[in-house]
C-alpha atoms as a PDB file:
ATOM      1  CA  MET A   1      50.401  43.259  17.732  1.00  0.00           C
ATOM      2  CA  MET A   2      52.778  41.466  20.091  1.00  0.00           C
ATOM      3  CA  ASP A   3      49.787  39.851  21.836  1.00  0.00           C
ATOM      4  CA  GLN A   4      48.622  38.537  18.485  1.00  0.00           C
ATOM      5  CA  LEU A   5      52.050  37.140  17.730  1.00  0.00           C
ATOM      6  CA  ALA A   6      52.253  35.482  21.142  1.00  0.00           C
ATOM      7  CA  ALA A   7      48.841  33.940  20.627  1.00  0.00           C
ATOM      8  CA  GLY A   8      49.954  32.355  17.377  1.00  0.00           C
ATOM      9  CA  ALA A   9      47.618  34.428  15.189  1.00  0.00           C
ATOM     10  CA  LEU A  10      50.374  34.725  12.592  1.00  0.00           C
ATOM     11  CA  SER A  11      51.699  31.196  12.937  1.00  0.00           C
ATOM     12  CA  PRO A  12      53.427  29.752   9.865  1.00  0.00           C
ATOM     13  CA  TYR A  13      52.082  26.302  10.845  1.00  0.00           C
ATOM     14  CA  GLN A  14      48.912  24.416  10.118  1.00  0.00           C
ATOM     15  CA  VAL A  15      48.013  22.434  13.246  1.00  0.00           C
ATOM     16  CA  PHE A  16      46.421  18.976  13.229  1.00  0.00           C
ATOM     17  CA  GLU A  17      45.058  17.027  16.164  1.00  0.00           C
ATOM     18  CA  ARG A  18      45.927  13.346  16.310  1.00  0.00           C
ATOM     19  CA  ASN A  19      42.878  11.956  14.525  1.00  0.00           C
ATOM     20  CA  GLU A  20      42.943  14.685  11.882  1.00  0.00           C
ATOM     21  CA  TRP A  21      46.532  13.814  11.029  1.00  0.00           C
ATOM     22  CA  ALA A  22      45.784  10.077  11.003  1.00  0.00           C
ATOM     23  CA  GLY A  23      43.231  10.660   8.254  1.00  0.00           C
ATOM     24  CA  LEU A  24      46.014  11.880   5.939  1.00  0.00           C
ATOM     25  CA  ARG A  25      47.512   8.396   5.654  1.00  0.00           C
ATOM     26  CA  ALA A  26      45.309   7.731   2.581  1.00  0.00           C
ATOM     27  CA  ASP A  27      46.433   4.453   0.982  1.00  0.00           C
ATOM     28  CA  THR A  28      50.004   4.452   2.314  1.00  0.00           C
ATOM     29  CA  PRO A  29      50.693   0.761   3.027  1.00  0.00           C
ATOM     30  CA  LEU A  30      51.742  -0.501   6.439  1.00  0.00           C
ATOM     31  CA  THR A  31      55.057  -2.271   5.880  1.00  0.00           C
ATOM     32  CA  LEU A  32      56.096  -2.871   9.500  1.00  0.00           C
ATOM     33  CA  THR A  33      54.893  -5.644  11.795  1.00  0.00           C
ATOM     34  CA  PRO A  34      54.194  -5.160  15.531  1.00  0.00           C
ATOM     35  CA  GLY A  35      57.321  -7.184  16.292  1.00  0.00           C
ATOM     36  CA  GLU A  36      59.485  -4.964  14.118  1.00  0.00           C
ATOM     37  CA  VAL A  37      58.073  -1.843  15.736  1.00  0.00           C
ATOM     38  CA  GLU A  38      58.828  -3.300  19.167  1.00  0.00           C
ATOM     39  CA  ARG A  39      62.475  -3.828  18.214  1.00  0.00           C
ATOM     40  CA  LEU A  40      62.875  -0.298  16.879  1.00  0.00           C
ATOM     41  CA  HIS A  41      61.872   1.718  19.944  1.00  0.00           C
ATOM     42  CA  SER A  42      64.387   3.114  22.411  1.00  0.00           C
ATOM     43  CA  LEU A  43      64.556   2.379  26.125  1.00  0.00           C
ATOM     44  CA  ASN A  44      61.629   3.980  27.963  1.00  0.00           C
ATOM     45  CA  ASP A  45      60.102   5.215  24.702  1.00  0.00           C
ATOM     46  CA  PRO A  46      57.253   2.785  23.940  1.00  0.00           C
ATOM     47  CA  ILE A  47      55.562   2.910  20.553  1.00  0.00           C
ATOM     48  CA  SER A  48      52.692   0.871  19.176  1.00  0.00           C
ATOM     49  CA  ILE A  49      51.720  -0.229  15.690  1.00  0.00           C
ATOM     50  CA  SER A  50      48.744   2.125  16.075  1.00  0.00           C
ATOM     51  CA  GLU A  51      51.153   5.046  16.495  1.00  0.00           C
ATOM     52  CA  VAL A  52      52.917   4.051  13.297  1.00  0.00           C
ATOM     53  CA  ILE A  53      49.619   3.899  11.432  1.00  0.00           C
ATOM     54  CA  LYS A  54      48.175   7.156  12.776  1.00  0.00           C
ATOM     55  CA  ILE A  55      51.311   9.310  12.833  1.00  0.00           C
ATOM     56  CA  TYR A  56      54.265   7.911  10.927  1.00  0.00           C
ATOM     57  CA  LEU A  57      52.530   6.594   7.817  1.00  0.00           C
ATOM     58  CA  PRO A  58      51.138  10.083   7.068  1.00  0.00           C
ATOM     59  CA  VAL A  59      54.630  11.509   7.714  1.00  0.00           C
ATOM     60  CA  SER A  60      56.080   8.947   5.311  1.00  0.00           C
ATOM     61  CA  ARG A  61      53.481   9.859   2.689  1.00  0.00           C
ATOM     62  CA  LEU A  62      54.266  13.572   3.069  1.00  0.00           C
ATOM     63  CA  LEU A  63      58.011  12.957   2.794  1.00  0.00           C
ATOM     64  CA  SER A  64      57.503  10.939  -0.389  1.00  0.00           C
ATOM     65  CA  PHE A  65      55.915  14.021  -1.988  1.00  0.00           C
ATOM     66  CA  TYR A  66      58.813  16.230  -0.902  1.00  0.00           C
ATOM     67  CA  VAL A  67      61.464  13.787  -2.115  1.00  0.00           C
ATOM     68  CA  GLU A  68      59.798  13.376  -5.518  1.00  0.00           C
ATOM     69  CA  ALA A  69      59.321  17.141  -5.889  1.00  0.00           C
ATOM     70  CA  LEU A  70      62.927  17.915  -5.006  1.00  0.00           C
ATOM     71  CA  GLN A  71      64.200  15.275  -7.414  1.00  0.00           C
ATOM     72  CA  ARG A  72      62.180  16.891 -10.203  1.00  0.00           C
ATOM     73  CA  LEU A  73      63.568  20.303  -9.252  1.00  0.00           C
ATOM     74  CA  PHE A  74      67.108  18.896  -9.198  1.00  0.00           C
ATOM     75  CA  ARG A  75      66.698  17.440 -12.697  1.00  0.00           C
ATOM     76  CA  SER A  76      65.215  20.704 -13.958  1.00  0.00           C
ATOM     77  CA  THR A  77      68.142  22.636 -12.489  1.00  0.00           C
ATOM     78  CA  GLU A  78      70.591  20.264 -14.174  1.00  0.00           C
ATOM     79  CA  ASP A  79      68.786  20.835 -17.484  1.00  0.00           C
ATOM     80  CA  PHE A  80      69.080  24.572 -16.919  1.00  0.00           C
ATOM     81  CA  LEU A  81      72.793  24.357 -16.128  1.00  0.00           C
ATOM     82  CA  GLY A  82      73.508  21.747 -18.762  1.00  0.00           C
ATOM     83  CA  THR A  83      75.100  19.419 -16.210  1.00  0.00           C
ATOM     84  CA  ARG A  84      74.679  15.809 -15.142  1.00  0.00           C
ATOM     85  CA  ASN A  85      76.051  15.348 -11.632  1.00  0.00           C
ATOM     86  CA  GLY A  86      74.099  12.244 -10.646  1.00  0.00           C
ATOM     87  CA  LYS A  87      71.585  12.126  -7.826  1.00  0.00           C
ATOM     88  CA  MET A  88      71.283  14.534  -4.924  1.00  0.00           C
ATOM     89  CA  PRO A  89      70.663  12.973  -1.488  1.00  0.00           C
ATOM     90  CA  PHE A  90      67.586  14.197   0.391  1.00  0.00           C
ATOM     91  CA  ILE A  91      68.600  15.079   3.963  1.00  0.00           C
ATOM     92  CA  ILE A  92      66.146  14.990   6.879  1.00  0.00           C
ATOM     93  CA  GLY A  93      67.078  16.514  10.247  1.00  0.00           C
ATOM     94  CA  ILE A  94      65.430  15.340  13.460  1.00  0.00           C
ATOM     95  CA  ALA A  95      65.845  17.524  16.570  1.00  0.00           C
ATOM     96  CA  GLY A  96      64.509  17.669  20.114  1.00  0.00           C
ATOM     97  CA  SER A  97      65.387  17.345  23.782  1.00  0.00           C
ATOM     98  CA  VAL A  98      67.200  14.558  25.553  1.00  0.00           C
ATOM     99  CA  ALA A  99      64.752  11.709  26.325  1.00  0.00           C
ATOM    100  CA  VAL A 100      62.037  12.964  23.949  1.00  0.00           C
ATOM    101  CA  GLY A 101      62.322   9.954  21.629  1.00  0.00           C
ATOM    102  CA  LYS A 102      64.304  11.251  18.650  1.00  0.00           C
ATOM    103  CA  SER A 103      66.026   7.916  18.096  1.00  0.00           C
ATOM    104  CA  THR A 104      62.768   5.980  17.983  1.00  0.00           C
ATOM    105  CA  THR A 105      61.286   8.427  15.485  1.00  0.00           C
ATOM    106  CA  ALA A 106      64.426   8.289  13.331  1.00  0.00           C
ATOM    107  CA  ARG A 107      64.500   4.483  13.271  1.00  0.00           C
ATOM    108  CA  ILE A 108      60.783   4.137  12.535  1.00  0.00           C
ATOM    109  CA  LEU A 109      61.005   6.645   9.687  1.00  0.00           C
ATOM    110  CA  ARG A 110      64.078   4.966   8.245  1.00  0.00           C
ATOM    111  CA  GLU A 111      62.339   1.591   8.137  1.00  0.00           C
ATOM    112  CA  LEU A 112      59.256   3.079   6.519  1.00  0.00           C
ATOM    113  CA  LEU A 113      61.233   5.064   3.940  1.00  0.00           C
ATOM    114  CA  VAL A 114      63.483   2.174   2.926  1.00  0.00           C
ATOM    115  CA  ARG A 115      60.370   0.116   2.180  1.00  0.00           C
ATOM    116  CA  TRP A 116      58.961   2.519  -0.360  1.00  0.00           C
ATOM    117  CA  PRO A 117      58.192   0.729  -3.677  1.00  0.00           C
ATOM    118  CA  HIS A 118      61.396   1.923  -5.369  1.00  0.00           C
ATOM    119  CA  SER A 119      63.487   0.750  -2.356  1.00  0.00           C
ATOM    120  CA  PRO A 120      65.593   3.857  -1.757  1.00  0.00           C
ATOM    121  CA  ARG A 121      68.863   3.663   0.131  1.00  0.00           C
ATOM    122  CA  VAL A 122      68.214   5.334   3.482  1.00  0.00           C
ATOM    123  CA  THR A 123      70.985   5.939   6.020  1.00  0.00           C
ATOM    124  CA  LEU A 124      70.587   7.066   9.621  1.00  0.00           C
ATOM    125  CA  VAL A 125      73.396   8.959  11.350  1.00  0.00           C
ATOM    126  CA  THR A 126      73.335  10.565  14.806  1.00  0.00           C
ATOM    127  CA  THR A 127      75.336  13.624  15.784  1.00  0.00           C
ATOM    128  CA  ASP A 128      76.681  11.774  18.847  1.00  0.00           C
ATOM    129  CA  GLY A 129      79.565  10.599  16.689  1.00  0.00           C
ATOM    130  CA  PHE A 130      80.555  14.215  16.081  1.00  0.00           C
ATOM    131  CA  LEU A 131      80.948  15.032  19.770  1.00  0.00           C
ATOM    132  CA  LEU A 132      84.481  15.993  20.746  1.00  0.00           C
ATOM    133  CA  PRO A 133      86.360  13.220  22.590  1.00  0.00           C
ATOM    134  CA  ASN A 134      86.035  13.290  26.368  1.00  0.00           C
ATOM    135  CA  ALA A 135      89.744  14.086  26.694  1.00  0.00           C
ATOM    136  CA  VAL A 136      89.221  17.269  24.674  1.00  0.00           C
ATOM    137  CA  LEU A 137      86.101  18.232  26.624  1.00  0.00           C
ATOM    138  CA  GLU A 138      87.954  17.735  29.918  1.00  0.00           C
ATOM    139  CA  GLN A 139      90.961  19.688  28.683  1.00  0.00           C
ATOM    140  CA  ASP A 140      88.686  22.574  27.663  1.00  0.00           C
ATOM    141  CA  GLY A 141      86.752  22.411  30.944  1.00  0.00           C
ATOM    142  CA  ILE A 142      83.386  21.744  29.287  1.00  0.00           C
ATOM    143  CA  MET A 143      82.746  18.099  30.174  1.00  0.00           C
ATOM    144  CA  ASN A 144      79.620  19.208  32.038  1.00  0.00           C
ATOM    145  CA  ARG A 145      78.384  20.817  28.817  1.00  0.00           C
ATOM    146  CA  LYS A 146      78.485  17.680  26.734  1.00  0.00           C
ATOM    147  CA  GLY A 147      75.622  17.886  24.249  1.00  0.00           C
ATOM    148  CA  PHE A 148      75.753  21.686  24.149  1.00  0.00           C
ATOM    149  CA  PRO A 149      76.697  23.223  20.775  1.00  0.00           C
ATOM    150  CA  GLU A 150      80.300  23.893  21.809  1.00  0.00           C
ATOM    151  CA  SER A 151      80.884  20.195  22.578  1.00  0.00           C
ATOM    152  CA  TYR A 152      80.659  19.124  18.917  1.00  0.00           C
ATOM    153  CA  ASP A 153      83.304  18.980  16.212  1.00  0.00           C
ATOM    154  CA  LEU A 154      81.255  21.298  14.039  1.00  0.00           C
ATOM    155  CA  PRO A 155      83.764  21.620  11.162  1.00  0.00           C
ATOM    156  CA  ARG A 156      83.821  17.835  10.807  1.00  0.00           C
ATOM    157  CA  LEU A 157      80.017  17.614  10.883  1.00  0.00           C
ATOM    158  CA  LEU A 158      79.645  20.367   8.274  1.00  0.00           C
ATOM    159  CA  LYS A 159      82.267  18.710   6.052  1.00  0.00           C
ATOM    160  CA  PHE A 160      80.403  15.390   6.369  1.00  0.00           C
ATOM    161  CA  LEU A 161      77.098  16.959   5.310  1.00  0.00           C
ATOM    162  CA  SER A 162      78.713  18.945   2.501  1.00  0.00           C
ATOM    163  CA  ASP A 163      80.294  15.788   1.092  1.00  0.00           C
ATOM    164  CA  ILE A 164      77.019  13.867   1.353  1.00  0.00           C
ATOM    165  CA  LYS A 165      75.085  16.654  -0.355  1.00  0.00           C
ATOM    166  CA  GLY A 166      77.753  16.809  -3.032  1.00  0.00           C
ATOM    167  CA  GLY A 167      77.226  13.150  -3.880  1.00  0.00           C
ATOM    168  CA  GLN A 168      80.656  11.935  -2.806  1.00  0.00           C
ATOM    169  CA  ALA A 169      81.175   8.208  -2.361  1.00  0.00           C
ATOM    170  CA  ARG A 170      82.007   6.602   1.002  1.00  0.00           C
ATOM    171  CA  VAL A 171      81.852   9.601   3.297  1.00  0.00           C
ATOM    172  CA  GLU A 172      82.983   8.542   6.763  1.00  0.00           C
ATOM    173  CA  ALA A 173      81.273   9.424  10.035  1.00  0.00           C
ATOM    174  CA  PRO A 174      82.832   8.827  13.475  1.00  0.00           C
ATOM    175  CA  VAL A 175      81.287   6.285  15.838  1.00  0.00           C
ATOM    176  CA  TYR A 176      80.125   6.956  19.408  1.00  0.00           C
ATOM    177  CA  SER A 177      79.770   4.439  22.246  1.00  0.00           C
ATOM    178  CA  HIS A 178      76.965   5.023  24.737  1.00  0.00           C
ATOM    179  CA  LEU A 179      78.603   2.422  26.956  1.00  0.00           C
ATOM    180  CA  THR A 180      81.913   4.261  27.328  1.00  0.00           C
ATOM    181  CA  TYR A 181      80.244   7.657  26.794  1.00  0.00           C
ATOM    182  CA  ASP A 182      82.955   8.605  24.307  1.00  0.00           C
ATOM    183  CA  ILE A 183      84.038   8.560  20.690  1.00  0.00           C
ATOM    184  CA  MET A 184      85.488   5.198  19.604  1.00  0.00           C
ATOM    185  CA  PRO A 185      89.030   6.034  18.438  1.00  0.00           C
ATOM    186  CA  GLY A 186      89.734   5.109  14.844  1.00  0.00           C
ATOM    187  CA  GLU A 187      86.247   3.714  14.191  1.00  0.00           C
ATOM    188  CA  THR A 188      84.061   5.137  11.448  1.00  0.00           C
ATOM    189  CA  VAL A 189      81.004   4.157   9.453  1.00  0.00           C
ATOM    190  CA  ALA A 190      80.933   4.772   5.703  1.00  0.00           C
ATOM    191  CA  VAL A 191      77.927   6.473   4.131  1.00  0.00           C
ATOM    192  CA  ASP A 192      77.902   5.736   0.405  1.00  0.00           C
ATOM    193  CA  ARG A 193      75.643   7.992  -1.676  1.00  0.00           C
ATOM    194  CA  PRO A 194      72.299   7.395   0.027  1.00  0.00           C
ATOM    195  CA  ASP A 195      69.045   8.487  -1.563  1.00  0.00           C
ATOM    196  CA  ILE A 196      67.954   9.763   1.848  1.00  0.00           C
ATOM    197  CA  LEU A 197      70.049  10.627   4.894  1.00  0.00           C
ATOM    198  CA  ILE A 198      68.429  11.076   8.304  1.00  0.00           C
ATOM    199  CA  LEU A 199      70.540  13.108  10.735  1.00  0.00           C
ATOM    200  CA  GLU A 200      69.308  12.931  14.330  1.00  0.00           C
ATOM    201  CA  GLY A 201      70.608  15.087  17.169  1.00  0.00           C
ATOM    202  CA  LEU A 202      69.919  17.622  19.892  1.00  0.00           C
ATOM    203  CA  ASN A 203      71.156  20.750  18.175  1.00  0.00           C
ATOM    204  CA  VAL A 204      70.813  20.066  14.448  1.00  0.00           C
ATOM    205  CA  LEU A 205      68.596  23.153  13.987  1.00  0.00           C
ATOM    206  CA  GLN A 206      70.965  25.394  15.943  1.00  0.00           C
ATOM    207  CA  THR A 207      72.030  28.744  14.447  1.00  0.00           C
ATOM    208  CA  ARG A 208      74.814  31.137  15.327  1.00  0.00           C
ATOM    209  CA  ASN A 209      75.229  34.893  15.222  1.00  0.00           C
ATOM    210  CA  LEU A 210      75.568  36.052  11.635  1.00  0.00           C
ATOM    211  CA  PRO A 211      78.618  38.156  10.714  1.00  0.00           C
ATOM    212  CA  LYS A 212      78.019  41.781   9.846  1.00  0.00           C
ATOM    213  CA  ASP A 213      80.162  41.474   6.711  1.00  0.00           C
ATOM    214  CA  GLY A 214      77.664  39.034   5.175  1.00  0.00           C
ATOM    215  CA  LYS A 215      80.195  36.264   4.622  1.00  0.00           C
ATOM    216  CA  ALA A 216      78.806  32.732   4.502  1.00  0.00           C
ATOM    217  CA  VAL A 217      78.551  30.950   7.831  1.00  0.00           C
ATOM    218  CA  PRO A 218      77.004  27.533   7.170  1.00  0.00           C
ATOM    219  CA  PHE A 219      74.645  25.962   9.690  1.00  0.00           C
ATOM    220  CA  VAL A 220      74.031  22.235   9.914  1.00  0.00           C
ATOM    221  CA  SER A 221      70.438  22.877   8.870  1.00  0.00           C
ATOM    222  CA  ASP A 222      71.604  24.581   5.658  1.00  0.00           C
ATOM    223  CA  PHE A 223      72.063  21.082   4.266  1.00  0.00           C
ATOM    224  CA  PHE A 224      68.575  19.872   5.245  1.00  0.00           C
ATOM    225  CA  ASP A 225      65.762  19.393   2.783  1.00  0.00           C
ATOM    226  CA  TYR A 226      63.283  18.734   5.586  1.00  0.00           C
ATOM    227  CA  SER A 227      63.390  19.036   9.369  1.00  0.00           C
ATOM    228  CA  ILE A 228      61.358  17.522  12.202  1.00  0.00           C
ATOM    229  CA  TYR A 229      61.242  18.607  15.847  1.00  0.00           C
ATOM    230  CA  ILE A 230      60.001  16.192  18.534  1.00  0.00           C
ATOM    231  CA  ASP A 231      58.324  18.174  21.305  1.00  0.00           C
ATOM    232  CA  ALA A 232      56.919  17.588  24.815  1.00  0.00           C
ATOM    233  CA  ASP A 233      56.274  19.562  27.999  1.00  0.00           C
ATOM    234  CA  GLU A 234      59.268  20.121  30.285  1.00  0.00           C
ATOM    235  CA  ASP A 235      57.795  18.250  33.234  1.00  0.00           C
ATOM    236  CA  VAL A 236      57.098  15.270  30.974  1.00  0.00           C
ATOM    237  CA  LEU A 237      60.648  15.345  29.603  1.00  0.00           C
ATOM    238  CA  ARG A 238      62.053  15.399  33.138  1.00  0.00           C
ATOM    239  CA  THR A 239      59.956  12.375  34.090  1.00  0.00           C
ATOM    240  CA  TRP A 240      61.071  10.439  31.020  1.00  0.00           C
ATOM    241  CA  TYR A 241      64.734  11.323  31.594  1.00  0.00           C
ATOM    242  CA  VAL A 242      64.681  10.276  35.237  1.00  0.00           C
ATOM    243  CA  GLU A 243      62.781   7.057  34.466  1.00  0.00           C
ATOM    244  CA  ARG A 244      65.300   6.178  31.766  1.00  0.00           C
ATOM    245  CA  PHE A 245      68.209   6.891  34.095  1.00  0.00           C
ATOM    246  CA  MET A 246      66.723   4.634  36.778  1.00  0.00           C
ATOM    247  CA  ARG A 247      66.174   1.823  34.262  1.00  0.00           C
ATOM    248  CA  LEU A 248      69.717   2.156  32.911  1.00  0.00           C
ATOM    249  CA  ARG A 249      70.978   1.927  36.488  1.00  0.00           C
ATOM    250  CA  GLU A 250      69.547  -1.592  36.605  1.00  0.00           C
ATOM    251  CA  THR A 251      70.825  -2.583  33.153  1.00  0.00           C
ATOM    252  CA  ARG A 252      73.568  -0.925  31.108  1.00  0.00           C
ATOM    253  CA  PHE A 253      75.162   0.895  34.054  1.00  0.00           C
ATOM    254  CA  LYS A 254      75.978  -2.488  35.630  1.00  0.00           C
ATOM    255  CA  ASP A 255      78.350  -3.311  32.769  1.00  0.00           C
ATOM    256  CA  PRO A 256      81.956  -3.078  34.059  1.00  0.00           C
ATOM    257  CA  GLY A 257      82.862  -1.067  30.949  1.00  0.00           C
ATOM    258  CA  SER A 258      80.154   1.529  31.453  1.00  0.00           C
ATOM    259  CA  TYR A 259      81.204   5.123  32.045  1.00  0.00           C
ATOM    260  CA  PHE A 260      78.280   5.338  34.478  1.00  0.00           C
ATOM    261  CA  ARG A 261      79.176   2.180  36.413  1.00  0.00           C
ATOM    262  CA  LYS A 262      79.413   4.180  39.664  1.00  0.00           C
ATOM    263  CA  TYR A 263      75.680   4.964  39.540  1.00  0.00           C
ATOM    264  CA  ALA A 264      74.724   1.288  39.597  1.00  0.00           C
ATOM    265  CA  ASP A 265      75.891   0.896  43.197  1.00  0.00           C
ATOM    266  CA  VAL A 266      74.242   3.874  44.850  1.00  0.00           C
ATOM    267  CA  SER A 267      70.903   3.632  46.641  1.00  0.00           C
ATOM    268  CA  HIS A 268      67.624   4.147  44.807  1.00  0.00           C
ATOM    269  CA  ASP A 269      67.021   7.503  46.489  1.00  0.00           C
ATOM    270  CA  GLU A 270      70.531   8.716  45.768  1.00  0.00           C
ATOM    271  CA  ALA A 271      70.275   7.676  42.121  1.00  0.00           C
ATOM    272  CA  PHE A 272      66.930   9.450  41.844  1.00  0.00           C
ATOM    273  CA  GLY A 273      68.505  12.628  43.201  1.00  0.00           C
ATOM    274  CA  ILE A 274      71.468  12.355  40.829  1.00  0.00           C
ATOM    275  CA  ALA A 275      69.164  11.927  37.831  1.00  0.00           C
ATOM    276  CA  ASN A 276      67.150  15.010  38.786  1.00  0.00           C
ATOM    277  CA  ASP A 277      70.321  17.036  39.330  1.00  0.00           C
ATOM    278  CA  LEU A 278      71.677  16.013  35.913  1.00  0.00           C
ATOM    279  CA  TRP A 279      68.407  17.023  34.308  1.00  0.00           C
ATOM    280  CA  GLU A 280      68.165  20.344  36.140  1.00  0.00           C
ATOM    281  CA  ASN A 281      71.774  21.459  35.810  1.00  0.00           C
ATOM    282  CA  ILE A 282      72.674  20.139  32.350  1.00  0.00           C
ATOM    283  CA  ASN A 283      69.852  18.905  30.160  1.00  0.00           C
ATOM    284  CA  LEU A 284      67.257  21.510  31.120  1.00  0.00           C
ATOM    285  CA  LEU A 285      69.793  24.302  30.583  1.00  0.00           C
ATOM    286  CA  ASN A 286      70.617  22.930  27.145  1.00  0.00           C
ATOM    287  CA  LEU A 287      66.925  22.663  26.349  1.00  0.00           C
ATOM    288  CA  HIS A 288      66.234  26.275  27.355  1.00  0.00           C
ATOM    289  CA  ASP A 289      69.331  27.831  25.821  1.00  0.00           C
ATOM    290  CA  ASN A 290      69.902  25.837  22.656  1.00  0.00           C
ATOM    291  CA  ILE A 291      67.260  23.263  21.729  1.00  0.00           C
ATOM    292  CA  LEU A 292      63.805  24.702  22.368  1.00  0.00           C
ATOM    293  CA  PRO A 293      64.611  28.036  20.641  1.00  0.00           C
ATOM    294  CA  THR A 294      65.156  26.068  17.398  1.00  0.00           C
ATOM    295  CA  ARG A 295      61.659  24.529  17.409  1.00  0.00           C
ATOM    296  CA  PRO A 296      60.140  27.263  15.185  1.00  0.00           C
ATOM    297  CA  ARG A 297      62.734  26.467  12.501  1.00  0.00           C
ATOM    298  CA  ALA A 298      61.358  22.942  11.911  1.00  0.00           C
ATOM    299  CA  ASP A 299      59.152  22.019   8.966  1.00  0.00           C
ATOM    300  CA  LEU A 300      57.191  19.547  11.084  1.00  0.00           C
ATOM    301  CA  ILE A 301      56.649  19.518  14.861  1.00  0.00           C
ATOM    302  CA  LEU A 302      55.447  16.290  16.487  1.00  0.00           C
ATOM    303  CA  ARG A 303      54.144  17.028  19.988  1.00  0.00           C
ATOM    304  CA  LYS A 304      54.005  14.170  22.474  1.00  0.00           C
ATOM    305  CA  GLY A 305      51.819  13.689  25.511  1.00  0.00           C
ATOM    306  CA  ALA A 306      52.772  12.065  28.810  1.00  0.00           C
ATOM    307  CA  ASP A 307      51.891   8.628  27.401  1.00  0.00           C
ATOM    308  CA  HIS A 308      54.497   9.048  24.604  1.00  0.00           C
ATOM    309  CA  ARG A 309      51.819   9.288  21.917  1.00  0.00           C
ATOM    310  CA  ILE A 310      51.877  12.134  19.391  1.00  0.00           C
ATOM    311  CA  GLU A 311      48.929  14.359  20.298  1.00  0.00           C
ATOM    312  CA  GLN A 312      49.421  17.186  17.829  1.00  0.00           C
ATOM    313  CA  VAL A 313      51.200  17.752  14.518  1.00  0.00           C
ATOM    314  CA  SER A 314      52.234  21.194  13.259  1.00  0.00           C
ATOM    315  CA  LEU A 315      53.061  21.380   9.569  1.00  0.00           C
ATOM    316  CA  ARG A 316      54.801  24.439   8.136  1.00  0.00           C
ATOM    317  CA  LYS A 317      52.691  26.169   5.521  1.00  0.00           C
ATOM    318  CA  LEU A 318      54.079  26.462   2.024  1.00  0.00           C
END
């Protein structure tokens, strides 16, 4: 029995190869130009208009069905309860390793969703803004575990999602600077009753130990209506992380205000070694302990190959 489970004989997913999935686009219109796609991708995460057509248009079509179905269910529930509480935002979570391309996927999906015929309001928020300030991480001795579950202000993130799901107006999210590698004190962005919220982050599908007394312990994913995991082999992820680090060393790290300014002045070989050490001792540990174990909780798994293209799509069965 365990061999069958390991072999995926009882998998809750239906698996599609690239061309199979591409055929599910149907008549979903392409609303992005090659130039727009080029501007939306992250550093060292190339994406082509062909990728949008073959992978993301079918995803957009699928999400449209889920959003419409949930809206009908919401209205039916209101009829049952005899209430009228306005609209309920549809929340999409996007998870995956460092350097896997979560941000590119989130931005592409946002641009596709906002261009649906009824022009929904779609907001993208990353969990980076909910990281604890560096001063707190240093005080608690966990600066080297930044990005791990314990490095986030979880109560604030849960309150943010609860307020969004409850339809509150102007819910504020903190802002993070990748230049200074820290929260920007006093700066927030207001999220005002979106139709769809995309929340992107490393650990958004993370769970915790449940209490034996059965009392409610909310997870971030409890507020999701749909979840996506971006996947790739470990050796591929390492390569992408190191390549990105080396490119940043020649660009953003040279900025005098960069937290990583010190890495811009070291030799190529030394920088290469530092990048591999950071991957091995921080990011790979986080992947093994906290991120990869959440993959089976996703509704949709997009698996990338070494060329950054989605090779396989796993869709959770209903």
